[in-house]
Amino acid sequence: MRPDKVEISWDATKSSWLVRIEVGEEVVRRHVTLPKTAADDALRSAATKAVTDEGYQPDLAVITIAR
């Protein structure tokens, strides 16, 4: 199953990146430890790993990065 939407954004309260995975009405949130200045490629890779770890098939087209 593929997620409908995957967004990675900086969570200032936790000082880490937050990956938000939406599948239908279900939302899964996972924090990843990368520096705030991480490159887009590193962020996409971390989001892809989080999606895979949750048991979904990653799709780079649905991953957005909110800086």
Protein backbone atom coordinates (compact mmCIF):
# COMPACT_ATOMS: atom_id res chain seq x y z
CA MET A 1 0.00 0.00 0.00
CA ARG A 2 1.25 3.47 -0.82
CA PRO A 3 0.72 6.53 1.37
CA ASP A 4 -1.48 9.35 0.06
CA LYS A 5 0.86 12.03 1.34
CA VAL A 6 4.24 12.20 3.08
CA GLU A 7 5.51 15.47 4.50
CA ILE A 8 8.74 16.16 6.33
CA SER A 9 9.04 19.36 8.33
CA TRP A 10 11.15 20.80 11.12
CA ASP A 11 9.63 20.35 14.58
CA ALA A 12 11.03 23.23 16.65
CA THR A 13 9.71 21.85 19.95
CA LYS A 14 11.66 18.58 19.52
CA SER A 15 14.53 20.08 17.48
CA SER A 16 14.25 17.30 14.90
CA TRP A 17 12.59 16.56 11.61
CA LEU A 18 9.06 15.17 11.69
CA VAL A 19 7.86 12.76 8.99
CA ARG A 20 4.06 12.79 8.66
CA ILE A 21 2.63 9.85 6.70
CA GLU A 22 -1.02 10.01 5.61
CA VAL A 23 -2.88 6.91 4.44
CA GLY A 24 -6.59 7.58 4.17
CA GLU A 25 -7.65 8.96 7.56
CA GLU A 26 -4.68 7.40 9.37
CA VAL A 27 -1.71 9.65 10.17
CA VAL A 28 1.62 8.29 11.39
CA ARG A 29 4.26 10.64 12.79
CA ARG A 30 7.95 9.73 13.13
CA HIS A 31 10.87 11.91 14.17
CA VAL A 32 14.21 11.57 12.41
CA THR A 33 17.52 12.88 13.66
CA LEU A 34 19.10 14.98 10.99
CA PRO A 35 20.54 18.49 11.33
CA LYS A 36 18.21 21.39 10.58
CA THR A 37 20.40 22.25 7.58
CA ALA A 38 20.13 18.76 6.05
CA ALA A 39 20.03 18.56 2.26
CA ASP A 40 16.80 17.71 0.47
CA ASP A 41 18.22 14.36 -0.67
CA ALA A 42 18.97 13.35 2.92
CA LEU A 43 15.48 14.39 4.02
CA ARG A 44 13.82 12.44 1.20
CA SER A 45 15.93 9.41 2.08
CA ALA A 46 14.94 9.64 5.75
CA ALA A 47 11.26 10.02 4.82
CA THR A 48 11.49 7.04 2.47
CA LYS A 49 13.03 4.92 5.25
CA ALA A 50 10.29 5.96 7.69
CA VAL A 51 7.60 5.03 5.15
CA THR A 52 9.25 1.64 4.54
CA ASP A 53 9.67 1.01 8.28
CA GLU A 54 5.91 1.56 8.71
CA GLY A 55 5.23 -1.13 6.11
CA TYR A 56 4.21 1.10 3.21
CA GLN A 57 5.68 1.33 -0.27
CA PRO A 58 7.54 4.62 -0.70
CA ASP A 59 6.62 6.91 -3.59
CA LEU A 60 8.94 9.90 -4.07
CA ALA A 61 6.17 11.79 -5.90
CA VAL A 62 4.12 12.18 -2.70
CA ILE A 63 6.99 13.36 -0.45
CA THR A 64 7.04 17.09 0.26
CA ILE A 65 9.56 19.03 2.30
CA ALA A 66 8.35 22.02 4.32
CA ARG A 67 11.22 24.25 5.37
